N, C-alpha and C. Protein backbone atom coordinates (compact mmCIF):
# COMPACT_ATOMS: atom_id res chain seq x y z
N MET A 1 -13.87 55.58 -98.17
CA MET A 1 -14.98 55.23 -99.08
C MET A 1 -15.79 54.17 -98.50
N GLN A 2 -15.24 53.13 -97.87
CA GLN A 2 -16.05 52.14 -97.14
C GLN A 2 -17.12 52.57 -96.17
N TYR A 3 -16.63 53.73 -95.43
CA TYR A 3 -17.31 54.32 -94.40
C TYR A 3 -18.58 55.02 -95.02
N ARG A 4 -18.50 55.73 -96.16
CA ARG A 4 -19.57 56.42 -96.75
C ARG A 4 -20.63 55.34 -97.27
N PHE A 5 -20.01 54.21 -97.85
CA PHE A 5 -20.92 53.08 -98.36
C PHE A 5 -21.68 52.63 -97.22
N GLN A 6 -21.13 52.34 -96.13
CA GLN A 6 -21.83 51.85 -94.95
C GLN A 6 -22.79 52.68 -94.50
N VAL A 7 -22.63 54.14 -94.44
CA VAL A 7 -23.61 54.98 -93.95
C VAL A 7 -24.71 55.13 -94.90
N PHE A 8 -24.57 55.13 -96.20
CA PHE A 8 -25.64 55.07 -97.21
C PHE A 8 -26.46 53.75 -97.17
N THR A 9 -25.65 52.68 -96.89
CA THR A 9 -26.40 51.46 -96.69
C THR A 9 -27.37 51.45 -95.55
N ASN A 10 -26.91 52.01 -94.42
CA ASN A 10 -27.59 52.19 -93.27
C ASN A 10 -28.83 52.98 -93.33
N LEU A 11 -28.72 54.15 -94.18
CA LEU A 11 -29.77 55.03 -94.50
C LEU A 11 -30.84 54.30 -95.37
N LEU A 12 -30.37 53.54 -96.36
CA LEU A 12 -31.23 52.70 -97.13
C LEU A 12 -32.03 51.61 -96.29
N PHE A 13 -31.28 51.09 -95.40
CA PHE A 13 -31.90 50.04 -94.60
C PHE A 13 -33.00 50.64 -93.54
N GLY A 14 -32.69 51.82 -93.16
CA GLY A 14 -33.56 52.54 -92.33
C GLY A 14 -34.80 52.70 -93.14
N PHE A 15 -34.81 53.42 -94.25
CA PHE A 15 -35.99 53.63 -95.19
C PHE A 15 -36.84 52.39 -95.35
N ALA A 16 -36.00 51.31 -95.83
CA ALA A 16 -36.73 50.06 -96.02
C ALA A 16 -37.42 49.48 -94.77
N THR A 17 -36.76 49.75 -93.55
CA THR A 17 -37.48 49.25 -92.33
C THR A 17 -38.80 49.99 -92.10
N TYR A 18 -38.80 51.23 -92.20
CA TYR A 18 -39.99 52.03 -91.86
C TYR A 18 -41.14 51.56 -93.03
N ALA A 19 -40.66 51.69 -94.19
CA ALA A 19 -41.74 51.20 -95.27
C ALA A 19 -42.23 49.80 -95.06
N GLY A 20 -41.45 48.80 -94.61
CA GLY A 20 -41.69 47.50 -94.30
C GLY A 20 -42.61 47.43 -93.20
N LEU A 21 -42.41 48.14 -92.05
CA LEU A 21 -43.19 48.35 -90.98
C LEU A 21 -44.52 48.70 -91.16
N GLY A 22 -44.60 49.88 -91.91
CA GLY A 22 -45.97 50.31 -92.58
C GLY A 22 -46.64 49.46 -93.32
N PHE A 23 -45.95 48.65 -94.27
CA PHE A 23 -46.70 47.73 -94.96
C PHE A 23 -47.24 46.59 -94.24
N LEU A 24 -46.55 46.06 -93.27
CA LEU A 24 -47.00 45.03 -92.44
C LEU A 24 -48.20 45.48 -91.58
N LEU A 25 -48.22 46.67 -91.12
CA LEU A 25 -49.44 47.15 -90.27
C LEU A 25 -50.59 47.33 -91.21
N LEU A 26 -50.37 47.94 -92.39
CA LEU A 26 -51.42 48.11 -93.33
C LEU A 26 -52.09 46.81 -93.83
N CYS A 27 -51.25 45.72 -93.86
CA CYS A 27 -51.88 44.37 -94.15
C CYS A 27 -52.90 43.75 -93.18
N LEU A 28 -52.70 44.25 -91.92
CA LEU A 28 -53.66 43.79 -90.92
C LEU A 28 -55.02 44.00 -91.12
N PRO A 29 -55.95 43.19 -90.80
CA PRO A 29 -57.46 43.30 -91.21
C PRO A 29 -57.90 44.49 -90.64
N GLY A 30 -57.59 44.86 -89.25
CA GLY A 30 -58.06 46.09 -88.64
C GLY A 30 -57.86 47.47 -89.34
N PHE A 31 -56.96 47.44 -90.07
CA PHE A 31 -56.59 48.76 -90.83
C PHE A 31 -57.03 49.00 -92.14
N GLN A 32 -57.88 47.84 -92.60
CA GLN A 32 -58.50 47.96 -93.92
C GLN A 32 -60.11 47.82 -93.77
N THR A 33 -60.63 48.34 -94.80
CA THR A 33 -62.06 48.44 -94.68
C THR A 33 -62.58 47.25 -95.64
N GLN A 34 -61.82 46.73 -96.56
CA GLN A 34 -61.95 45.50 -97.38
C GLN A 34 -60.72 45.00 -97.56
N PRO A 35 -60.62 43.68 -98.00
CA PRO A 35 -59.35 42.98 -98.34
C PRO A 35 -58.56 43.87 -99.40
N ILE A 36 -57.37 44.00 -99.15
CA ILE A 36 -56.40 44.93 -100.20
C ILE A 36 -55.35 43.99 -100.53
N ARG A 37 -55.05 44.02 -101.72
CA ARG A 37 -53.87 43.07 -102.27
C ARG A 37 -52.51 43.72 -101.54
N TRP A 38 -51.61 42.72 -101.18
CA TRP A 38 -50.53 43.15 -100.57
C TRP A 38 -49.58 44.12 -101.34
N VAL A 39 -49.69 44.10 -102.69
CA VAL A 39 -48.82 45.06 -103.41
C VAL A 39 -49.45 46.40 -103.39
N ASP A 40 -50.68 46.52 -103.17
CA ASP A 40 -51.11 47.88 -103.04
C ASP A 40 -50.89 48.53 -101.54
N ASN A 41 -50.76 47.63 -100.62
CA ASN A 41 -50.43 48.05 -99.24
C ASN A 41 -48.84 48.43 -99.27
N LEU A 42 -48.07 47.67 -99.98
CA LEU A 42 -46.58 47.97 -100.13
C LEU A 42 -46.49 49.20 -100.81
N PHE A 43 -47.12 49.56 -101.94
CA PHE A 43 -47.02 50.60 -102.73
C PHE A 43 -47.32 51.92 -101.87
N THR A 44 -48.54 51.83 -101.18
CA THR A 44 -49.08 52.87 -100.38
C THR A 44 -48.04 53.18 -99.25
N ALA A 45 -47.59 52.14 -98.51
CA ALA A 45 -46.68 52.47 -97.55
C ALA A 45 -45.27 53.12 -97.93
N THR A 46 -44.94 52.60 -99.12
CA THR A 46 -43.58 53.22 -99.86
C THR A 46 -43.83 54.67 -100.19
N SER A 47 -45.02 54.91 -100.83
CA SER A 47 -45.36 56.13 -101.22
C SER A 47 -45.54 57.18 -100.20
N ALA A 48 -46.17 56.71 -99.02
CA ALA A 48 -46.24 57.69 -97.86
C ALA A 48 -44.83 57.96 -97.24
N ILE A 49 -43.98 57.12 -97.02
CA ILE A 49 -42.81 57.28 -96.47
C ILE A 49 -41.74 58.10 -97.45
N SER A 50 -41.93 57.93 -98.68
CA SER A 50 -41.22 58.64 -99.59
C SER A 50 -41.72 60.03 -99.97
N THR A 51 -42.90 60.23 -99.55
CA THR A 51 -43.74 61.43 -99.80
C THR A 51 -43.84 61.73 -101.37
N THR A 52 -44.03 60.67 -102.19
CA THR A 52 -44.35 60.75 -103.62
C THR A 52 -45.72 61.23 -103.96
N GLY A 53 -46.64 60.77 -103.07
CA GLY A 53 -48.11 61.24 -103.47
C GLY A 53 -48.84 60.32 -104.37
N LEU A 54 -48.30 59.08 -104.69
CA LEU A 54 -48.94 58.04 -105.46
C LEU A 54 -49.66 57.14 -104.74
N VAL A 55 -50.82 56.79 -105.25
CA VAL A 55 -51.51 55.64 -104.68
C VAL A 55 -52.32 54.89 -105.76
N THR A 56 -52.65 53.58 -105.54
CA THR A 56 -53.29 52.71 -106.52
C THR A 56 -54.72 52.63 -106.04
N LEU A 57 -55.01 53.02 -104.88
CA LEU A 57 -56.49 53.04 -104.47
C LEU A 57 -56.74 54.22 -103.49
N SER A 58 -58.00 54.25 -103.33
CA SER A 58 -58.53 55.37 -102.41
C SER A 58 -58.20 55.11 -100.97
N ILE A 59 -57.58 56.08 -100.37
CA ILE A 59 -57.27 55.92 -98.95
C ILE A 59 -58.35 55.92 -98.12
N THR A 60 -59.44 56.69 -98.44
CA THR A 60 -60.57 56.78 -97.62
C THR A 60 -61.54 55.57 -97.87
N ASP A 61 -61.67 55.25 -98.87
CA ASP A 61 -62.42 53.87 -99.18
C ASP A 61 -61.90 52.66 -98.66
N ASN A 62 -60.63 52.44 -98.60
CA ASN A 62 -59.90 51.16 -98.42
C ASN A 62 -59.27 51.11 -97.06
N TYR A 63 -59.00 52.16 -96.32
CA TYR A 63 -58.44 52.00 -95.03
C TYR A 63 -59.31 52.65 -93.89
N THR A 64 -59.34 52.01 -92.78
CA THR A 64 -60.02 52.37 -91.64
C THR A 64 -59.21 53.68 -91.12
N TRP A 65 -59.80 54.12 -89.99
CA TRP A 65 -59.31 55.39 -89.33
C TRP A 65 -57.89 54.99 -88.86
N TRP A 66 -57.69 53.84 -88.33
CA TRP A 66 -56.47 53.42 -87.97
C TRP A 66 -55.30 53.22 -89.00
N GLY A 67 -55.76 52.64 -90.27
CA GLY A 67 -55.00 52.58 -91.37
C GLY A 67 -54.58 54.06 -91.94
N GLN A 68 -55.33 54.84 -91.76
CA GLN A 68 -55.18 56.27 -92.27
C GLN A 68 -54.14 57.03 -91.30
N VAL A 69 -54.19 56.58 -89.87
CA VAL A 69 -53.21 57.11 -89.03
C VAL A 69 -51.87 56.40 -89.28
N ILE A 70 -51.76 55.34 -89.68
CA ILE A 70 -50.58 54.55 -90.11
C ILE A 70 -49.90 55.38 -91.30
N ILE A 71 -50.78 55.59 -92.29
CA ILE A 71 -50.20 56.36 -93.50
C ILE A 71 -49.83 57.65 -93.09
N LEU A 72 -50.57 58.35 -92.27
CA LEU A 72 -50.23 59.80 -91.83
C LEU A 72 -48.90 59.73 -91.10
N GLY A 73 -48.71 58.67 -90.23
CA GLY A 73 -47.41 58.57 -89.57
C GLY A 73 -46.29 58.39 -90.51
N LEU A 74 -46.56 57.50 -91.48
CA LEU A 74 -45.29 57.35 -92.55
C LEU A 74 -45.22 58.61 -93.27
N ILE A 75 -46.17 59.34 -93.65
CA ILE A 75 -45.98 60.72 -94.18
C ILE A 75 -45.20 61.70 -93.34
N GLN A 76 -45.57 61.69 -92.17
CA GLN A 76 -44.76 62.61 -91.12
C GLN A 76 -43.29 62.12 -91.05
N ILE A 77 -43.05 60.86 -90.88
CA ILE A 77 -41.73 60.47 -90.80
C ILE A 77 -40.87 60.62 -91.99
N GLY A 78 -41.55 60.49 -93.23
CA GLY A 78 -40.91 60.67 -94.50
C GLY A 78 -40.61 62.26 -94.61
N GLY A 79 -41.67 63.13 -94.28
CA GLY A 79 -41.64 64.37 -94.44
C GLY A 79 -40.34 65.15 -93.63
N VAL A 80 -40.32 64.58 -92.38
CA VAL A 80 -39.22 65.16 -91.60
C VAL A 80 -37.95 64.68 -91.74
N GLY A 81 -38.02 63.46 -92.21
CA GLY A 81 -36.88 62.60 -92.53
C GLY A 81 -36.85 61.62 -91.41
N TYR A 82 -36.70 60.22 -91.74
CA TYR A 82 -36.83 59.21 -90.74
C TYR A 82 -35.51 59.18 -89.98
N MET A 83 -34.58 59.71 -90.41
CA MET A 83 -33.30 59.83 -89.54
C MET A 83 -33.56 60.82 -88.52
N THR A 84 -34.24 62.01 -88.83
CA THR A 84 -34.51 63.13 -87.89
C THR A 84 -35.54 62.35 -86.98
N PHE A 85 -36.57 61.77 -87.33
CA PHE A 85 -37.49 61.24 -86.41
C PHE A 85 -36.91 60.22 -85.49
N THR A 86 -36.22 59.24 -86.00
CA THR A 86 -35.54 58.37 -85.13
C THR A 86 -34.56 58.79 -84.19
N SER A 87 -33.87 59.89 -84.62
CA SER A 87 -32.84 60.54 -83.70
C SER A 87 -33.74 61.44 -82.58
N PHE A 88 -34.64 61.95 -82.97
CA PHE A 88 -35.46 62.64 -82.04
C PHE A 88 -36.04 61.75 -80.98
N VAL A 89 -36.53 60.56 -81.31
CA VAL A 89 -37.17 59.52 -80.26
C VAL A 89 -35.98 59.06 -79.61
N MET A 90 -34.73 58.69 -80.05
CA MET A 90 -33.56 58.33 -79.35
C MET A 90 -33.21 59.40 -78.32
N LEU A 91 -33.25 60.70 -78.72
CA LEU A 91 -32.86 61.83 -77.73
C LEU A 91 -33.93 61.94 -76.69
N SER A 92 -35.23 61.60 -77.04
CA SER A 92 -36.21 61.65 -75.99
C SER A 92 -36.07 60.58 -74.90
N LEU A 93 -35.52 59.40 -75.33
CA LEU A 93 -35.33 58.28 -74.52
C LEU A 93 -34.16 58.31 -73.63
N LYS A 94 -33.07 58.91 -74.20
CA LYS A 94 -31.84 59.05 -73.53
C LYS A 94 -31.32 60.35 -73.94
N SER A 95 -30.08 60.66 -73.03
CA SER A 95 -29.54 62.04 -73.32
C SER A 95 -28.64 62.22 -74.46
N ASN A 96 -28.05 61.31 -75.03
CA ASN A 96 -26.93 61.58 -76.01
C ASN A 96 -27.22 60.45 -77.11
N LEU A 97 -26.63 60.96 -78.23
CA LEU A 97 -26.61 59.90 -79.44
C LEU A 97 -25.38 59.27 -79.40
N THR A 98 -25.25 58.06 -79.95
CA THR A 98 -24.01 57.42 -80.12
C THR A 98 -23.06 57.96 -81.23
N HIS A 99 -21.94 57.90 -80.99
CA HIS A 99 -20.94 58.46 -81.98
C HIS A 99 -21.29 58.07 -83.45
N TRP A 100 -21.61 56.77 -83.65
CA TRP A 100 -22.05 56.30 -85.03
C TRP A 100 -23.28 57.31 -85.50
N HIS A 101 -24.28 57.24 -84.58
CA HIS A 101 -25.56 57.79 -85.05
C HIS A 101 -25.17 59.30 -85.30
N GLN A 102 -24.43 59.94 -84.67
CA GLN A 102 -24.02 61.36 -84.84
C GLN A 102 -23.37 61.64 -86.19
N ARG A 103 -22.54 60.61 -86.60
CA ARG A 103 -21.78 60.71 -87.81
C ARG A 103 -22.71 60.40 -89.02
N VAL A 104 -23.74 59.38 -88.90
CA VAL A 104 -24.77 59.29 -89.93
C VAL A 104 -25.51 60.59 -89.92
N LEU A 105 -26.01 61.22 -88.95
CA LEU A 105 -26.83 62.44 -89.12
C LEU A 105 -25.92 63.61 -89.91
N ASN A 106 -24.68 63.64 -89.32
CA ASN A 106 -24.00 64.61 -90.14
C ASN A 106 -23.67 64.54 -91.50
N THR A 107 -23.77 63.28 -91.91
CA THR A 107 -23.56 62.87 -93.38
C THR A 107 -24.95 63.20 -94.03
N GLU A 108 -26.14 62.80 -93.24
CA GLU A 108 -27.47 63.19 -93.99
C GLU A 108 -27.84 64.67 -94.08
N PHE A 109 -27.33 65.37 -93.01
CA PHE A 109 -27.57 66.92 -93.13
C PHE A 109 -26.44 67.80 -93.45
N SER A 110 -25.36 67.10 -93.74
CA SER A 110 -24.11 67.97 -93.98
C SER A 110 -23.83 69.13 -93.14
N MET A 111 -23.97 68.93 -91.72
CA MET A 111 -23.88 69.87 -90.75
C MET A 111 -22.25 70.27 -90.62
N PRO A 112 -21.92 71.63 -90.24
CA PRO A 112 -20.60 71.95 -89.95
C PRO A 112 -20.19 71.23 -88.60
N LYS A 113 -18.88 71.05 -88.54
CA LYS A 113 -18.29 70.41 -87.34
C LYS A 113 -18.45 71.25 -86.18
N GLY A 114 -18.88 70.48 -84.98
CA GLY A 114 -19.25 71.17 -83.84
C GLY A 114 -20.74 71.78 -83.71
N PHE A 115 -21.54 71.46 -84.67
CA PHE A 115 -22.86 71.80 -84.70
C PHE A 115 -23.61 70.91 -83.67
N GLN A 116 -24.55 71.58 -82.99
CA GLN A 116 -25.30 70.69 -82.01
C GLN A 116 -26.52 70.08 -82.53
N ILE A 117 -26.47 68.81 -83.10
CA ILE A 117 -27.46 68.14 -83.80
C ILE A 117 -28.73 68.17 -82.93
N GLN A 118 -28.49 67.94 -81.65
CA GLN A 118 -29.71 67.69 -80.76
C GLN A 118 -30.60 69.00 -80.66
N ASP A 119 -30.12 70.15 -80.78
CA ASP A 119 -30.91 71.35 -80.73
C ASP A 119 -31.66 71.39 -82.11
N PHE A 120 -30.96 71.14 -83.13
CA PHE A 120 -31.48 71.32 -84.48
C PHE A 120 -32.73 70.27 -84.66
N LEU A 121 -32.50 68.95 -84.08
CA LEU A 121 -33.66 67.99 -84.31
C LEU A 121 -34.85 68.57 -83.46
N ARG A 122 -34.63 68.91 -82.40
CA ARG A 122 -35.69 69.48 -81.60
C ARG A 122 -36.34 70.66 -82.19
N ALA A 123 -35.70 71.53 -82.83
CA ALA A 123 -36.25 72.62 -83.42
C ALA A 123 -37.12 72.28 -84.73
N VAL A 124 -36.44 71.32 -85.38
CA VAL A 124 -37.28 70.70 -86.57
C VAL A 124 -38.60 70.20 -86.28
N ILE A 125 -38.51 69.31 -85.07
CA ILE A 125 -39.77 68.77 -84.76
C ILE A 125 -40.87 69.65 -84.28
N VAL A 126 -40.37 70.55 -83.26
CA VAL A 126 -41.34 71.56 -82.74
C VAL A 126 -41.82 72.37 -83.87
N PHE A 127 -41.04 72.93 -84.79
CA PHE A 127 -41.52 73.78 -85.78
C PHE A 127 -42.49 73.02 -86.75
N THR A 128 -42.24 71.79 -87.10
CA THR A 128 -43.08 70.96 -87.97
C THR A 128 -44.37 70.77 -87.36
N ILE A 129 -44.47 70.38 -85.93
CA ILE A 129 -45.78 70.19 -85.33
C ILE A 129 -46.59 71.51 -85.34
N LEU A 130 -45.84 72.56 -85.01
CA LEU A 130 -46.51 73.92 -84.68
C LEU A 130 -47.02 74.29 -85.95
N ILE A 131 -46.33 74.23 -87.06
CA ILE A 131 -46.97 74.87 -88.42
C ILE A 131 -48.12 74.05 -88.94
N GLU A 132 -48.05 72.68 -88.68
CA GLU A 132 -49.08 71.80 -89.20
C GLU A 132 -50.30 72.00 -88.31
N THR A 133 -50.07 72.22 -87.08
CA THR A 133 -51.26 72.49 -86.01
C THR A 133 -51.88 73.69 -86.43
N VAL A 134 -51.27 74.73 -86.59
CA VAL A 134 -51.78 76.08 -86.90
C VAL A 134 -52.48 75.93 -88.24
N GLY A 135 -51.87 75.34 -89.22
CA GLY A 135 -52.60 75.15 -90.55
C GLY A 135 -53.89 74.29 -90.47
N ALA A 136 -53.94 73.21 -89.54
CA ALA A 136 -55.10 72.52 -89.59
C ALA A 136 -56.19 73.24 -88.78
N VAL A 137 -55.85 73.94 -87.68
CA VAL A 137 -56.80 74.73 -86.93
C VAL A 137 -57.33 75.89 -87.92
N ALA A 138 -56.63 76.59 -88.77
CA ALA A 138 -57.02 77.73 -89.49
C ALA A 138 -57.87 77.15 -90.61
N CYS A 139 -57.67 76.03 -91.26
CA CYS A 139 -58.32 75.52 -92.27
C CYS A 139 -59.66 74.99 -91.62
N PHE A 140 -59.63 74.39 -90.55
CA PHE A 140 -60.82 73.85 -89.97
C PHE A 140 -61.83 74.96 -89.55
N CYS A 141 -61.20 75.91 -89.17
CA CYS A 141 -62.12 77.20 -88.70
C CYS A 141 -62.77 77.94 -89.92
N PHE A 142 -62.11 77.98 -91.11
CA PHE A 142 -62.56 78.69 -92.35
C PHE A 142 -63.31 77.75 -93.25
N ALA A 143 -63.15 76.32 -93.13
CA ALA A 143 -63.71 75.42 -93.92
C ALA A 143 -65.26 75.21 -93.62
N ALA A 144 -65.96 74.67 -94.66
CA ALA A 144 -67.32 74.41 -94.45
C ALA A 144 -67.50 73.36 -93.27
N LEU A 145 -68.80 73.49 -92.60
CA LEU A 145 -68.98 72.69 -91.37
C LEU A 145 -68.86 71.22 -91.62
N GLU A 146 -69.02 70.57 -92.68
CA GLU A 146 -68.99 69.26 -92.95
C GLU A 146 -67.53 68.68 -92.76
N HIS A 147 -66.58 69.59 -92.81
CA HIS A 147 -65.22 69.02 -92.81
C HIS A 147 -64.95 68.45 -91.39
N ASN A 148 -64.17 67.47 -91.31
CA ASN A 148 -63.86 66.80 -89.91
C ASN A 148 -62.38 67.40 -89.59
N PHE A 149 -62.14 67.57 -88.38
CA PHE A 149 -60.76 68.05 -87.78
C PHE A 149 -59.64 67.04 -88.31
N ALA A 150 -59.98 65.87 -87.96
CA ALA A 150 -58.90 64.80 -88.38
C ALA A 150 -58.62 64.80 -89.77
N LEU A 151 -59.50 65.02 -90.75
CA LEU A 151 -59.47 65.02 -92.01
C LEU A 151 -58.34 66.25 -92.21
N GLU A 152 -58.64 67.37 -91.78
CA GLU A 152 -57.81 68.71 -91.81
C GLU A 152 -56.46 68.34 -91.29
N VAL A 153 -56.32 67.65 -90.28
CA VAL A 153 -55.03 67.35 -89.89
C VAL A 153 -54.33 66.55 -90.86
N PHE A 154 -54.82 65.42 -91.43
CA PHE A 154 -54.34 64.53 -92.50
C PHE A 154 -53.89 65.39 -93.70
N SER A 155 -54.77 66.33 -94.11
CA SER A 155 -54.44 67.23 -95.34
C SER A 155 -53.35 68.16 -95.04
N ARG A 156 -53.16 68.74 -93.95
CA ARG A 156 -52.17 69.65 -93.45
C ARG A 156 -50.81 68.95 -93.46
N VAL A 157 -50.68 67.86 -92.72
CA VAL A 157 -49.43 67.12 -92.73
C VAL A 157 -49.09 66.64 -93.96
N SER A 158 -50.04 66.15 -94.80
CA SER A 158 -49.55 65.75 -96.18
C SER A 158 -49.11 66.92 -97.01
N ALA A 159 -49.63 68.05 -96.76
CA ALA A 159 -49.38 69.33 -97.60
C ALA A 159 -47.94 69.83 -97.10
N PHE A 160 -47.83 69.76 -95.74
CA PHE A 160 -46.56 70.25 -95.22
C PHE A 160 -45.31 69.40 -95.69
N CYS A 161 -45.53 68.16 -95.62
CA CYS A 161 -44.66 67.23 -95.97
C CYS A 161 -44.56 66.97 -97.55
N THR A 162 -45.26 67.75 -98.23
CA THR A 162 -45.33 67.62 -99.81
C THR A 162 -45.54 66.23 -100.17
N ALA A 163 -46.34 65.66 -99.50
CA ALA A 163 -46.76 64.25 -99.84
C ALA A 163 -47.76 63.98 -100.97
N GLY A 164 -48.64 64.82 -101.01
CA GLY A 164 -49.66 64.85 -102.15
C GLY A 164 -50.77 63.72 -101.87
N LEU A 165 -50.86 63.13 -100.73
CA LEU A 165 -51.77 62.08 -100.49
C LEU A 165 -52.86 62.78 -99.61
N ALA A 166 -53.91 62.44 -100.03
CA ALA A 166 -55.30 62.97 -99.34
C ALA A 166 -56.37 61.95 -99.14
N VAL A 167 -57.22 62.30 -97.97
CA VAL A 167 -58.39 61.59 -97.86
C VAL A 167 -59.52 62.47 -98.28
N GLN A 168 -60.61 61.99 -98.72
CA GLN A 168 -61.77 62.57 -99.28
C GLN A 168 -62.52 63.12 -98.19
N PHE A 169 -63.11 64.42 -98.51
CA PHE A 169 -64.03 65.09 -97.42
C PHE A 169 -65.38 64.61 -97.67
């Protein structure tokens, strides 16, 4: 019982870490077009990482291009799962996951014993990027000329991750 509590505590800590990091970045002046209250930055970062789709202010009007990239990154991490993303980065940097990390992932995904989590994580990331890219290119090609490809990417990532956050065209 204590092990499962520890795993869930670590999952919660990971979520809070990503939300906190996003919040701190969004609070930096270079990521805002005008001063934004800290509570709005916290709400936006938490909404993006949890893919709830709620915001208290316009993303387009209040965040610079870099701020929108941070929000997009939080949506992507929240959409594929922050444990999936973190594990993918760890696998990219080294060849194996630690025993503890493997157990946490098995708890999060409820994988059968002996399942190769590394192959699963790579497939999830590749599939996600592929589908989002195809969607962005297709929408850009068939949309009106005033649409920007970066805005299409933001919209497709948000749609794929079911975040519901959007930038205005």
